[in-house]
Amino acid sequence: MHILVVNGSPKGEYSVTLQTVKYLEMAYPEHTFEYLNAGQRIKALEKDFSNAQKALENADLILFSYPVYTFIAPSQIHRFFELIKERSIGLKGKTAAQITTSKHFYDVTAHRYVTDNCHDLGMNVIRGLSADMDDLLTEKGRREAKAFFEYAEFCIKNGVFEKRLSEPCAFTPVIAEKGEKNTSAIDKEVVLVTDAKKEDVSLNAMIARFINVSPFKVRVVNLWETEIRGGCLGCFGCATTGKCVYTDGFDDFLRNTIQSADAIMYAFTIRDHSMGARFKMYDDRQFCNGHRTVTMGAPTGYLISGAYSREENVRTIVEARAQVGGNFLSGVATDETDPNGEIDRFSKILAYALQNKLTQPSNFYGVGGMKIFRDLIWLMQGFMKADHKFFKSHGQYDFPQKKKGMMIKMYLVGALISNPKIKGKMGNAMNEGMLMPYKKMFEKEYGK
């Protein structure tokens, strides 16, 4: 096969992910590998895509290689897909696969994003390889990399590919009405971050209604009017100081203009199964905060134009972002059926959340994501100093090994129930014992 490797890492040849591809190239010399550093050269590709088009059209297998950034692929890959679709490049019938490296923090949503876009282009998709950053340095990791590639060969030879999970559909937005001006006032400020352009008629109508019916001040920040010179470079220059290597002032803008608000709203039109390249660039550049949940406790919400109910992956990302960030998700209003009612309802919930400082415990999305971050920062504390300081001061190092009292108690319980005679005499005592702390709490709180 002639394999085109679309390297989505902004680091180019210094990409850790790319080393897995290099390993496969050495392991399977019967195939030829061609490399397109899309992540590093995205601005050049915007000016001239002709050579990239030829490489895509000549490939037998298109292999996307990229690190996972902020729940999905880097913004440079988002822009790459936009360029392919803008030019109507014919890739129908070609085969695509992907390799990522990460700490497995929402690698599933990143893979689904690339898969959905490849299906849009009519491509045959092979299930990708999601590896840990250090996997290739282990015998097990190298074995798994080879297994992935040999499975890809099998799929191509036998014509078996991943089933498309969502079919394209025509979408006509329901345009929101401006509504009556809310005359009540809450002394809170909500910042609304959007990438809406003039032609985004429905999204702009939703924003206008939200501003009009809300009892709090809404300050709109448009990302097209904000200087963002490029996507995150993955350089980790901000790891110790929190200062980005770009000199466009984005880190100061983020902290002083966005994170200073009482709540943060997002408004975008679904593009290519995500929020679009510009919005993703903004998301990725927030890595100047590292893994620190600096807006924890601030409510959030979304105004989304598009067939949101059909975008399972986008829905997962929206909820997971709020869960990991420790933000109460006040709602998602769309223009699918009833934007007026959804915006009004959402505005009321957000007002309640602001007035009552509403928080809720995290579900699996939040708990699982933060445990990955917890273990990562603990191991890399000497390098990610700002993250380590934040995690330590906020009690986020909640390792189970520290709960020695509970561990000893469980050993005692385990010893008791493993003895058949004692277990037979216990009856319902174990269940009653488990409820005892709750009974004490009820007595303390309500006297009964």
Foldseek 3Di string as FASTA:
>chain_A
DEEEEAEQALQFPPDLQCVLVVLVCVVCVVYHYHYDPQNNCVVVCVVPVPVVLVSLVPGQEYEYTAEAFQLAGALSVLSVLVVCVVVVRQNAAHEYEYEYEDLVQNPVLHQVLVVLSCVVNNHFYAYYHYYYSCLCVDPNSSVVSVVSVVVVVVCVVVVDGDDNPFDDDDADFAAAAQDAAAPAADAFEEEEEEQDDPVPRRLVRLVNNLCRLFRYHYHYDHLVVADDPWADNPPCPLLAPLDDPDPSCLSVCCVPPHLVGLAYEYEAEDDSLERGSSVSRNSRVNCSLPLFLSSALRAYEYEYEDPVVRRPSHVLSVLLVCQQSNHHYLYYAYRRPCNHVRSNSSSVSNVVCSVVSDGDHHDCSRVVSLVSVLVVCVVVCVRNVSVVVNCVVVVSNPDPVVPVVVVVVVVVVVVQCVDVVSVVVCPCVVVVVVCVVVVVVCCVVPVD
